[in-house]
N, C-alpha and C. Protein backbone atom coordinates (compact mmCIF):
# COMPACT_ATOMS: atom_id res chain seq x y z
N UNK A 1 -186.59 -4.05 5.93
CA UNK A 1 -186.22 -3.18 7.03
C UNK A 1 -185.55 -4.00 8.14
N UNK A 2 -184.54 -3.46 8.72
CA UNK A 2 -183.86 -4.08 9.85
C UNK A 2 -184.66 -3.81 11.13
N UNK A 3 -184.84 -4.81 11.97
CA UNK A 3 -185.48 -4.61 13.26
C UNK A 3 -184.50 -3.88 14.18
N UNK A 4 -184.92 -2.74 14.71
CA UNK A 4 -184.08 -1.89 15.54
C UNK A 4 -184.21 -2.30 17.01
N UNK A 5 -183.40 -3.21 17.47
CA UNK A 5 -183.49 -3.74 18.83
C UNK A 5 -183.19 -2.69 19.89
N UNK A 6 -182.36 -1.69 19.57
CA UNK A 6 -181.97 -0.66 20.53
C UNK A 6 -183.15 0.21 20.94
N UNK A 7 -184.23 0.26 20.14
CA UNK A 7 -185.42 1.02 20.53
C UNK A 7 -186.15 0.34 21.67
N UNK A 8 -186.02 -0.96 21.80
CA UNK A 8 -186.72 -1.72 22.82
C UNK A 8 -185.89 -1.94 24.08
N UNK A 9 -184.56 -1.95 23.92
CA UNK A 9 -183.67 -2.19 25.06
C UNK A 9 -182.32 -1.53 24.78
N UNK A 10 -182.15 -0.33 25.31
CA UNK A 10 -180.91 0.41 25.04
C UNK A 10 -179.70 -0.19 25.76
N UNK A 11 -179.94 -1.12 26.67
CA UNK A 11 -178.84 -1.79 27.37
C UNK A 11 -178.47 -3.13 26.72
N UNK A 12 -179.18 -3.53 25.69
CA UNK A 12 -178.89 -4.78 25.00
C UNK A 12 -177.51 -4.70 24.36
N UNK A 13 -176.64 -5.61 24.70
CA UNK A 13 -175.28 -5.55 24.15
C UNK A 13 -174.91 -6.79 23.36
N UNK A 14 -175.78 -7.79 23.30
CA UNK A 14 -175.55 -8.98 22.47
C UNK A 14 -176.86 -9.42 21.84
N UNK A 15 -176.79 -9.95 20.63
CA UNK A 15 -177.98 -10.39 19.91
C UNK A 15 -177.57 -11.37 18.81
N UNK A 16 -178.53 -12.12 18.31
CA UNK A 16 -178.33 -13.01 17.18
C UNK A 16 -179.14 -12.48 16.00
N UNK A 17 -178.62 -12.71 14.79
CA UNK A 17 -179.29 -12.18 13.61
C UNK A 17 -178.92 -13.01 12.38
N UNK A 18 -179.60 -12.70 11.29
CA UNK A 18 -179.32 -13.32 9.99
C UNK A 18 -178.79 -12.25 9.03
N UNK A 19 -177.81 -12.60 8.24
CA UNK A 19 -177.25 -11.69 7.24
C UNK A 19 -178.22 -11.62 6.06
N UNK A 20 -178.76 -10.43 5.80
CA UNK A 20 -179.67 -10.23 4.67
C UNK A 20 -178.93 -9.88 3.40
N UNK A 21 -177.85 -9.11 3.54
CA UNK A 21 -177.11 -8.68 2.35
C UNK A 21 -175.69 -8.28 2.74
N UNK A 22 -174.80 -8.39 1.79
CA UNK A 22 -173.40 -7.98 1.96
C UNK A 22 -173.05 -7.13 0.75
N UNK A 23 -172.36 -6.02 0.98
CA UNK A 23 -171.98 -5.14 -0.12
C UNK A 23 -170.84 -4.24 0.30
N UNK A 24 -170.84 -3.04 -0.27
CA UNK A 24 -169.81 -2.06 0.04
C UNK A 24 -170.45 -0.69 0.09
N UNK A 25 -169.88 0.20 0.90
CA UNK A 25 -170.40 1.57 0.96
C UNK A 25 -169.69 2.42 -0.09
N UNK A 26 -169.93 3.71 -0.07
CA UNK A 26 -169.36 4.62 -1.08
C UNK A 26 -167.84 4.71 -1.00
N UNK A 27 -167.28 4.27 0.14
CA UNK A 27 -165.82 4.28 0.30
C UNK A 27 -165.22 2.89 0.07
N UNK A 28 -166.03 1.98 -0.48
CA UNK A 28 -165.63 0.60 -0.77
C UNK A 28 -165.32 -0.22 0.48
N UNK A 29 -165.87 0.19 1.62
CA UNK A 29 -165.72 -0.60 2.84
C UNK A 29 -166.81 -1.68 2.86
N UNK A 30 -166.51 -2.87 3.38
CA UNK A 30 -167.53 -3.92 3.43
C UNK A 30 -168.69 -3.52 4.34
N UNK A 31 -169.90 -3.79 3.88
CA UNK A 31 -171.12 -3.46 4.61
C UNK A 31 -171.99 -4.71 4.73
N UNK A 32 -172.56 -4.91 5.90
CA UNK A 32 -173.46 -6.04 6.15
C UNK A 32 -174.79 -5.48 6.63
N UNK A 33 -175.87 -6.01 6.08
CA UNK A 33 -177.22 -5.67 6.53
C UNK A 33 -177.79 -6.92 7.20
N UNK A 34 -178.25 -6.75 8.44
CA UNK A 34 -178.81 -7.84 9.22
C UNK A 34 -180.31 -7.70 9.33
N UNK A 35 -181.00 -8.79 9.65
CA UNK A 35 -182.45 -8.71 9.80
C UNK A 35 -182.85 -8.00 11.09
N UNK A 36 -181.92 -7.95 12.06
CA UNK A 36 -182.16 -7.27 13.33
C UNK A 36 -180.82 -6.84 13.88
N UNK A 37 -180.81 -5.75 14.67
CA UNK A 37 -179.55 -5.28 15.21
C UNK A 37 -179.75 -4.48 16.50
N UNK A 38 -178.75 -4.54 17.36
CA UNK A 38 -178.69 -3.69 18.55
C UNK A 38 -177.68 -2.57 18.33
N UNK A 39 -176.97 -2.56 17.20
CA UNK A 39 -176.00 -1.50 16.89
C UNK A 39 -176.75 -0.22 16.54
N UNK A 40 -176.49 0.84 17.30
CA UNK A 40 -177.14 2.14 17.07
C UNK A 40 -176.38 2.88 15.96
N UNK A 41 -177.08 3.37 14.93
CA UNK A 41 -176.42 4.14 13.88
C UNK A 41 -176.28 5.61 14.28
N UNK A 42 -175.41 6.33 13.63
CA UNK A 42 -175.31 7.77 13.85
C UNK A 42 -176.68 8.40 13.56
N UNK A 43 -177.20 9.15 14.53
CA UNK A 43 -178.52 9.75 14.36
C UNK A 43 -178.77 10.76 15.47
N UNK A 44 -179.36 11.88 15.12
CA UNK A 44 -179.80 12.85 16.11
C UNK A 44 -178.70 13.40 16.99
N UNK A 45 -177.49 13.48 16.48
CA UNK A 45 -176.38 14.01 17.26
C UNK A 45 -175.61 12.94 18.02
N UNK A 46 -176.16 11.73 18.10
CA UNK A 46 -175.47 10.64 18.80
C UNK A 46 -174.71 9.81 17.78
N UNK A 47 -173.45 9.52 18.10
CA UNK A 47 -172.63 8.75 17.16
C UNK A 47 -172.87 7.26 17.32
N UNK A 48 -172.44 6.53 16.33
CA UNK A 48 -172.70 5.10 16.17
C UNK A 48 -171.99 4.23 17.21
N UNK A 49 -172.56 3.05 17.39
CA UNK A 49 -171.93 2.01 18.20
C UNK A 49 -170.83 1.33 17.40
N UNK A 50 -169.90 0.73 18.11
CA UNK A 50 -168.93 -0.17 17.51
C UNK A 50 -169.03 -1.50 18.25
N UNK A 51 -168.31 -2.48 17.78
CA UNK A 51 -168.34 -3.79 18.41
C UNK A 51 -167.89 -4.84 17.42
N UNK A 52 -168.53 -6.03 17.50
CA UNK A 52 -168.09 -7.14 16.69
C UNK A 52 -169.27 -7.96 16.21
N UNK A 53 -169.10 -8.55 15.04
CA UNK A 53 -170.03 -9.55 14.52
C UNK A 53 -169.26 -10.85 14.44
N UNK A 54 -169.83 -11.89 15.04
CA UNK A 54 -169.20 -13.21 15.06
C UNK A 54 -170.03 -14.16 14.21
N UNK A 55 -169.50 -14.55 13.05
CA UNK A 55 -170.21 -15.54 12.22
C UNK A 55 -170.29 -16.87 12.96
N UNK A 56 -171.42 -17.57 12.83
CA UNK A 56 -171.60 -18.82 13.57
C UNK A 56 -170.69 -19.94 13.08
N UNK A 57 -170.23 -19.86 11.82
CA UNK A 57 -169.42 -20.94 11.27
C UNK A 57 -167.92 -20.78 11.57
N UNK A 58 -167.54 -19.73 12.29
CA UNK A 58 -166.12 -19.49 12.58
C UNK A 58 -165.97 -18.79 13.92
N UNK A 59 -164.77 -18.80 14.44
CA UNK A 59 -164.51 -18.10 15.71
C UNK A 59 -163.94 -16.70 15.48
N UNK A 60 -163.84 -16.29 14.22
CA UNK A 60 -163.30 -14.96 13.90
C UNK A 60 -164.29 -13.87 14.28
N UNK A 61 -163.78 -12.81 14.89
CA UNK A 61 -164.58 -11.63 15.19
C UNK A 61 -164.38 -10.63 14.07
N UNK A 62 -165.47 -10.11 13.54
CA UNK A 62 -165.41 -9.07 12.52
C UNK A 62 -165.74 -7.74 13.19
N UNK A 63 -164.82 -6.80 13.13
CA UNK A 63 -165.00 -5.53 13.82
C UNK A 63 -165.98 -4.63 13.08
N UNK A 64 -166.98 -4.14 13.80
CA UNK A 64 -167.93 -3.14 13.27
C UNK A 64 -167.30 -1.78 13.51
N UNK A 65 -166.92 -1.09 12.42
CA UNK A 65 -166.20 0.17 12.50
C UNK A 65 -167.11 1.39 12.39
N UNK A 66 -168.32 1.21 11.84
CA UNK A 66 -169.25 2.32 11.64
C UNK A 66 -170.64 1.72 11.45
N UNK A 67 -171.66 2.48 11.78
CA UNK A 67 -173.04 2.04 11.60
C UNK A 67 -173.83 3.23 11.10
N UNK A 68 -174.54 3.04 9.98
CA UNK A 68 -175.36 4.10 9.42
C UNK A 68 -176.74 3.53 9.08
N UNK A 69 -177.68 4.42 8.83
CA UNK A 69 -179.02 3.99 8.44
C UNK A 69 -179.34 4.62 7.10
N UNK A 70 -179.97 3.83 6.23
CA UNK A 70 -180.41 4.37 4.95
C UNK A 70 -181.91 4.18 4.83
N UNK A 71 -182.48 4.78 3.80
CA UNK A 71 -183.93 4.72 3.59
C UNK A 71 -184.47 3.31 3.72
N UNK A 72 -185.70 3.22 4.17
CA UNK A 72 -186.32 1.92 4.36
C UNK A 72 -185.97 1.29 5.69
N UNK A 73 -185.23 2.02 6.54
CA UNK A 73 -184.91 1.51 7.86
C UNK A 73 -183.81 0.47 7.89
N UNK A 74 -183.04 0.36 6.81
CA UNK A 74 -181.93 -0.60 6.79
C UNK A 74 -180.73 -0.02 7.54
N UNK A 75 -180.17 -0.84 8.42
CA UNK A 75 -178.97 -0.45 9.16
C UNK A 75 -177.77 -1.08 8.47
N UNK A 76 -176.80 -0.25 8.13
CA UNK A 76 -175.58 -0.70 7.47
C UNK A 76 -174.47 -0.83 8.50
N UNK A 77 -173.94 -2.02 8.66
CA UNK A 77 -172.83 -2.30 9.57
C UNK A 77 -171.56 -2.29 8.73
N UNK A 78 -170.74 -1.27 8.89
CA UNK A 78 -169.50 -1.16 8.12
C UNK A 78 -168.43 -1.94 8.88
N UNK A 79 -167.81 -2.89 8.20
CA UNK A 79 -166.82 -3.76 8.82
C UNK A 79 -165.41 -3.43 8.35
N UNK A 80 -164.43 -3.76 9.19
CA UNK A 80 -163.04 -3.65 8.75
C UNK A 80 -162.79 -4.62 7.61
N UNK A 81 -163.36 -5.81 7.71
CA UNK A 81 -163.36 -6.78 6.60
C UNK A 81 -164.53 -7.72 6.82
N UNK A 82 -165.06 -8.26 5.74
CA UNK A 82 -166.25 -9.12 5.84
C UNK A 82 -165.88 -10.58 6.03
N UNK A 83 -164.59 -10.91 6.01
CA UNK A 83 -164.18 -12.30 6.20
C UNK A 83 -164.90 -13.21 5.24
N UNK A 84 -165.38 -14.34 5.75
CA UNK A 84 -166.09 -15.31 4.91
C UNK A 84 -167.60 -15.22 5.10
N UNK A 85 -168.08 -14.07 5.55
CA UNK A 85 -169.50 -13.86 5.81
C UNK A 85 -170.30 -14.09 4.53
N UNK A 86 -171.44 -14.75 4.67
CA UNK A 86 -172.28 -15.02 3.50
C UNK A 86 -173.73 -14.66 3.79
N UNK A 87 -174.43 -14.25 2.73
CA UNK A 87 -175.84 -13.94 2.83
C UNK A 87 -176.58 -15.18 3.33
N UNK A 88 -177.50 -14.96 4.30
CA UNK A 88 -178.27 -16.05 4.87
C UNK A 88 -177.64 -16.70 6.08
N UNK A 89 -176.38 -16.35 6.38
CA UNK A 89 -175.72 -16.98 7.53
C UNK A 89 -176.18 -16.33 8.83
N UNK A 90 -176.06 -17.07 9.92
CA UNK A 90 -176.40 -16.59 11.25
C UNK A 90 -175.15 -15.98 11.87
N UNK A 91 -175.35 -14.89 12.62
CA UNK A 91 -174.25 -14.21 13.29
C UNK A 91 -174.67 -13.84 14.71
N UNK A 92 -173.68 -13.55 15.51
CA UNK A 92 -173.89 -13.06 16.87
C UNK A 92 -173.24 -11.68 16.95
N UNK A 93 -173.99 -10.67 17.36
CA UNK A 93 -173.47 -9.31 17.48
C UNK A 93 -173.12 -8.99 18.92
N UNK A 94 -172.01 -8.28 19.09
CA UNK A 94 -171.58 -7.82 20.41
C UNK A 94 -171.27 -6.32 20.33
N UNK A 95 -171.98 -5.54 21.14
CA UNK A 95 -171.78 -4.09 21.20
C UNK A 95 -170.62 -3.79 22.14
N UNK A 96 -169.82 -2.79 21.81
CA UNK A 96 -168.81 -2.27 22.74
C UNK A 96 -169.59 -1.51 23.81
N UNK A 97 -169.85 -2.18 24.93
CA UNK A 97 -170.75 -1.63 25.96
C UNK A 97 -170.18 -0.40 26.64
N UNK A 98 -168.87 -0.29 26.77
CA UNK A 98 -168.29 0.91 27.39
C UNK A 98 -168.56 2.13 26.53
N UNK A 99 -168.39 2.00 25.22
CA UNK A 99 -168.67 3.11 24.30
C UNK A 99 -170.16 3.45 24.32
N UNK A 100 -171.02 2.41 24.28
CA UNK A 100 -172.47 2.63 24.30
C UNK A 100 -172.87 3.38 25.57
N UNK A 101 -172.37 2.94 26.72
CA UNK A 101 -172.73 3.59 27.99
C UNK A 101 -172.29 5.05 27.99
N UNK A 102 -171.09 5.32 27.50
CA UNK A 102 -170.60 6.70 27.42
C UNK A 102 -171.53 7.54 26.56
N UNK A 103 -171.96 7.03 25.41
CA UNK A 103 -172.87 7.77 24.53
C UNK A 103 -174.22 7.99 25.18
N UNK A 104 -174.72 6.96 25.87
CA UNK A 104 -176.02 7.10 26.53
C UNK A 104 -175.96 8.18 27.61
N UNK A 105 -174.87 8.20 28.36
CA UNK A 105 -174.73 9.21 29.42
C UNK A 105 -174.62 10.61 28.83
N UNK A 106 -173.82 10.76 27.77
CA UNK A 106 -173.70 12.08 27.14
C UNK A 106 -175.04 12.52 26.55
N UNK A 107 -175.74 11.61 25.90
CA UNK A 107 -177.00 11.94 25.25
C UNK A 107 -178.06 12.32 26.29
N UNK A 108 -178.14 11.54 27.37
CA UNK A 108 -179.10 11.87 28.44
C UNK A 108 -178.73 13.20 29.10
N UNK A 109 -177.43 13.42 29.32
CA UNK A 109 -176.97 14.68 29.90
C UNK A 109 -177.34 15.87 29.04
N UNK A 110 -177.24 15.69 27.72
CA UNK A 110 -177.62 16.76 26.79
C UNK A 110 -179.09 17.12 26.96
N UNK A 111 -179.95 16.11 27.08
CA UNK A 111 -181.38 16.39 27.24
C UNK A 111 -181.65 17.14 28.55
N UNK A 112 -180.96 16.75 29.61
CA UNK A 112 -181.16 17.41 30.90
C UNK A 112 -180.68 18.86 30.83
N UNK A 113 -179.51 19.08 30.27
CA UNK A 113 -178.97 20.44 30.17
C UNK A 113 -179.81 21.30 29.22
N UNK A 114 -180.23 20.72 28.10
CA UNK A 114 -181.09 21.47 27.17
C UNK A 114 -182.40 21.87 27.84
N UNK A 115 -182.98 20.96 28.61
CA UNK A 115 -184.23 21.27 29.32
C UNK A 115 -184.02 22.39 30.34
N UNK A 116 -182.85 22.41 30.97
CA UNK A 116 -182.55 23.47 31.94
C UNK A 116 -182.50 24.83 31.25
N UNK A 117 -181.88 24.90 30.07
CA UNK A 117 -181.83 26.18 29.33
C UNK A 117 -183.21 26.63 28.89
N UNK A 118 -184.08 25.69 28.53
CA UNK A 118 -185.45 26.05 28.15
C UNK A 118 -186.23 26.53 29.37
N UNK A 119 -186.16 25.77 30.46
CA UNK A 119 -186.93 26.11 31.65
C UNK A 119 -186.52 27.47 32.22
N UNK A 120 -185.22 27.72 32.28
CA UNK A 120 -184.74 28.95 32.91
C UNK A 120 -184.78 30.17 31.98
N UNK A 121 -184.47 29.97 30.71
CA UNK A 121 -184.25 31.13 29.81
C UNK A 121 -184.99 31.03 28.48
N UNK A 122 -185.82 29.99 28.31
CA UNK A 122 -186.52 29.77 27.05
C UNK A 122 -185.55 29.76 25.86
N UNK A 123 -184.42 29.06 26.05
CA UNK A 123 -183.40 28.94 25.01
C UNK A 123 -183.37 27.49 24.52
N UNK A 124 -184.05 27.21 23.40
CA UNK A 124 -184.07 25.84 22.90
C UNK A 124 -182.73 25.44 22.25
N UNK A 125 -182.48 24.15 22.28
CA UNK A 125 -181.31 23.59 21.61
C UNK A 125 -181.64 23.41 20.13
N UNK A 126 -180.75 23.88 19.26
CA UNK A 126 -180.96 23.72 17.82
C UNK A 126 -180.13 22.58 17.25
N UNK A 127 -179.04 22.21 17.92
CA UNK A 127 -178.27 21.04 17.49
C UNK A 127 -177.39 20.56 18.64
N UNK A 128 -176.96 19.33 18.50
CA UNK A 128 -176.16 18.67 19.52
C UNK A 128 -175.12 17.83 18.79
N UNK A 129 -173.88 17.91 19.24
CA UNK A 129 -172.79 17.17 18.60
C UNK A 129 -172.03 16.40 19.67
N UNK A 130 -171.89 15.10 19.45
CA UNK A 130 -171.21 14.24 20.41
C UNK A 130 -169.91 13.73 19.79
N UNK A 131 -168.85 13.75 20.58
CA UNK A 131 -167.58 13.23 20.12
C UNK A 131 -166.92 12.38 21.18
N UNK A 132 -165.78 11.82 20.85
CA UNK A 132 -165.07 10.94 21.78
C UNK A 132 -164.55 11.70 22.99
N UNK A 133 -164.17 12.95 22.81
CA UNK A 133 -163.57 13.74 23.90
C UNK A 133 -164.52 14.76 24.51
N UNK A 134 -165.50 15.22 23.74
CA UNK A 134 -166.41 16.24 24.25
C UNK A 134 -167.69 16.25 23.43
N UNK A 135 -168.68 16.97 23.94
CA UNK A 135 -169.90 17.18 23.18
C UNK A 135 -170.27 18.65 23.32
N UNK A 136 -171.11 19.12 22.40
CA UNK A 136 -171.51 20.53 22.44
C UNK A 136 -173.00 20.64 22.17
N UNK A 137 -173.58 21.71 22.69
CA UNK A 137 -174.99 22.02 22.50
C UNK A 137 -175.05 23.41 21.89
N UNK A 138 -175.75 23.53 20.77
CA UNK A 138 -175.95 24.84 20.14
C UNK A 138 -177.33 25.34 20.52
N UNK A 139 -177.36 26.50 21.15
CA UNK A 139 -178.62 27.08 21.61
C UNK A 139 -179.09 28.17 20.65
N UNK A 140 -180.40 28.39 20.62
CA UNK A 140 -180.99 29.41 19.76
C UNK A 140 -180.91 30.77 20.45
N UNK A 141 -179.72 31.34 20.45
CA UNK A 141 -179.50 32.66 21.05
C UNK A 141 -178.29 33.31 20.42
N UNK A 142 -178.29 34.62 20.41
CA UNK A 142 -177.13 35.37 19.91
C UNK A 142 -176.10 35.59 21.01
N UNK A 143 -176.57 35.53 22.25
CA UNK A 143 -175.68 35.82 23.38
C UNK A 143 -176.02 34.93 24.55
N UNK A 144 -174.99 34.44 25.22
CA UNK A 144 -175.15 33.61 26.40
C UNK A 144 -174.18 34.11 27.46
N UNK A 145 -174.70 34.40 28.63
CA UNK A 145 -173.84 34.93 29.68
C UNK A 145 -173.30 33.79 30.56
N UNK A 146 -172.23 34.07 31.25
CA UNK A 146 -171.65 33.10 32.19
C UNK A 146 -172.67 32.77 33.28
N UNK A 147 -173.43 33.76 33.71
CA UNK A 147 -174.45 33.52 34.76
C UNK A 147 -175.53 32.55 34.27
N UNK A 148 -175.93 32.65 32.99
CA UNK A 148 -176.92 31.73 32.44
C UNK A 148 -176.36 30.31 32.39
N UNK A 149 -175.13 30.19 31.97
CA UNK A 149 -174.49 28.86 31.91
C UNK A 149 -174.42 28.24 33.30
N UNK A 150 -174.01 29.03 34.28
CA UNK A 150 -173.89 28.53 35.66
C UNK A 150 -175.25 28.13 36.23
N UNK A 151 -176.29 28.91 35.94
CA UNK A 151 -177.63 28.59 36.45
C UNK A 151 -178.16 27.30 35.79
N UNK A 152 -177.98 27.17 34.49
CA UNK A 152 -178.43 25.96 33.79
C UNK A 152 -177.66 24.74 34.27
N UNK A 153 -176.37 24.90 34.48
CA UNK A 153 -175.55 23.81 35.00
C UNK A 153 -176.02 23.39 36.39
N UNK A 154 -176.31 24.35 37.24
CA UNK A 154 -176.78 24.04 38.60
C UNK A 154 -178.11 23.28 38.56
N UNK A 155 -179.04 23.73 37.71
CA UNK A 155 -180.33 23.05 37.60
C UNK A 155 -180.13 21.63 37.05
N UNK A 156 -179.31 21.48 36.02
CA UNK A 156 -179.06 20.16 35.45
C UNK A 156 -178.43 19.23 36.49
N UNK A 157 -177.48 19.74 37.25
CA UNK A 157 -176.85 18.92 38.30
C UNK A 157 -177.86 18.52 39.37
N UNK A 158 -178.78 19.44 39.71
CA UNK A 158 -179.82 19.13 40.68
C UNK A 158 -180.71 17.99 40.17
N UNK A 159 -181.08 18.03 38.92
CA UNK A 159 -181.92 16.98 38.32
C UNK A 159 -181.17 15.65 38.34
N UNK A 160 -179.90 15.66 38.00
CA UNK A 160 -179.10 14.43 38.01
C UNK A 160 -179.02 13.86 39.42
N UNK A 161 -178.80 14.72 40.40
CA UNK A 161 -178.69 14.27 41.79
C UNK A 161 -180.01 13.68 42.32
N UNK A 162 -181.13 14.03 41.69
CA UNK A 162 -182.42 13.46 42.07
C UNK A 162 -182.56 12.01 41.58
N UNK A 163 -181.65 11.58 40.74
CA UNK A 163 -181.61 10.20 40.26
C UNK A 163 -182.94 9.78 39.62
N UNK A 164 -183.46 10.64 38.75
CA UNK A 164 -184.73 10.37 38.09
C UNK A 164 -184.59 9.23 37.08
N UNK A 165 -185.70 8.54 36.85
CA UNK A 165 -185.73 7.50 35.83
C UNK A 165 -185.60 8.15 34.45
N UNK A 166 -184.97 7.45 33.54
CA UNK A 166 -184.84 7.90 32.16
C UNK A 166 -185.55 6.89 31.28
N UNK A 167 -186.36 7.39 30.35
CA UNK A 167 -187.06 6.48 29.43
C UNK A 167 -187.14 7.12 28.06
N UNK A 168 -187.36 6.28 27.06
CA UNK A 168 -187.55 6.75 25.70
C UNK A 168 -189.00 6.49 25.33
N UNK A 169 -189.66 7.47 24.78
CA UNK A 169 -191.04 7.25 24.38
C UNK A 169 -191.07 6.49 23.07
N UNK A 170 -192.02 5.58 22.95
CA UNK A 170 -192.13 4.80 21.74
C UNK A 170 -192.58 5.64 20.56
N UNK A 171 -193.26 6.75 20.83
CA UNK A 171 -193.70 7.60 19.73
C UNK A 171 -192.51 8.15 18.98
N UNK A 172 -191.40 8.45 19.68
CA UNK A 172 -190.21 8.93 19.00
C UNK A 172 -189.61 7.82 18.15
N UNK A 173 -189.51 6.63 18.71
CA UNK A 173 -188.92 5.50 17.98
C UNK A 173 -189.75 5.20 16.74
N UNK A 174 -191.08 5.19 16.89
CA UNK A 174 -191.94 4.92 15.75
C UNK A 174 -191.87 6.03 14.72
N UNK A 175 -191.83 7.28 15.17
CA UNK A 175 -191.74 8.41 14.24
C UNK A 175 -190.41 8.37 13.51
N UNK A 176 -189.35 8.05 14.22
CA UNK A 176 -188.04 7.98 13.60
C UNK A 176 -187.99 6.89 12.55
N UNK A 177 -188.52 5.72 12.88
CA UNK A 177 -188.51 4.61 11.94
C UNK A 177 -189.38 4.91 10.74
N UNK A 178 -190.50 5.61 10.98
CA UNK A 178 -191.41 5.91 9.88
C UNK A 178 -190.87 6.97 8.94
N UNK A 179 -189.98 7.83 9.45
CA UNK A 179 -189.49 8.93 8.62
C UNK A 179 -188.32 8.54 7.75
N UNK A 180 -187.77 7.35 7.92
CA UNK A 180 -186.62 6.94 7.11
C UNK A 180 -187.03 6.24 5.85
């Protein structure tokens, strides 16, 4: 299993690791599995991190183009090319921090807005989709009025303006890791 560093520090943008395995995904793209990673995989409506892996024996940066998770908690880092990367080698990972911050803000905003719909109208979120240009929240309702949207938006904005602390519970991280 890969150690999921992002569960302990969502602001971590650099880390060192060892290459456990190198292979290819179903699309024949090079894949690297590390013993530990700060790269967040696509999960729970949040899209993957991108960035670079720098092998210690060279100055070449290998671009991380996609990140997925498979059973057993292994994180697959899909690369544009694997270069001269070898199993057992040490690498340095660098997260694209601007992309990560954008995803964190969208994801946190989704939770605040979803909570506003539950508090005001008992309308739970059934799914959440994040993209480069926009994100969407699917609510468990057949009908949503403009007044409901405006009220939920106002409550969400009020919560944001209160500048509340944001945290992740470890029970979610442990449950997520245990379910894979």
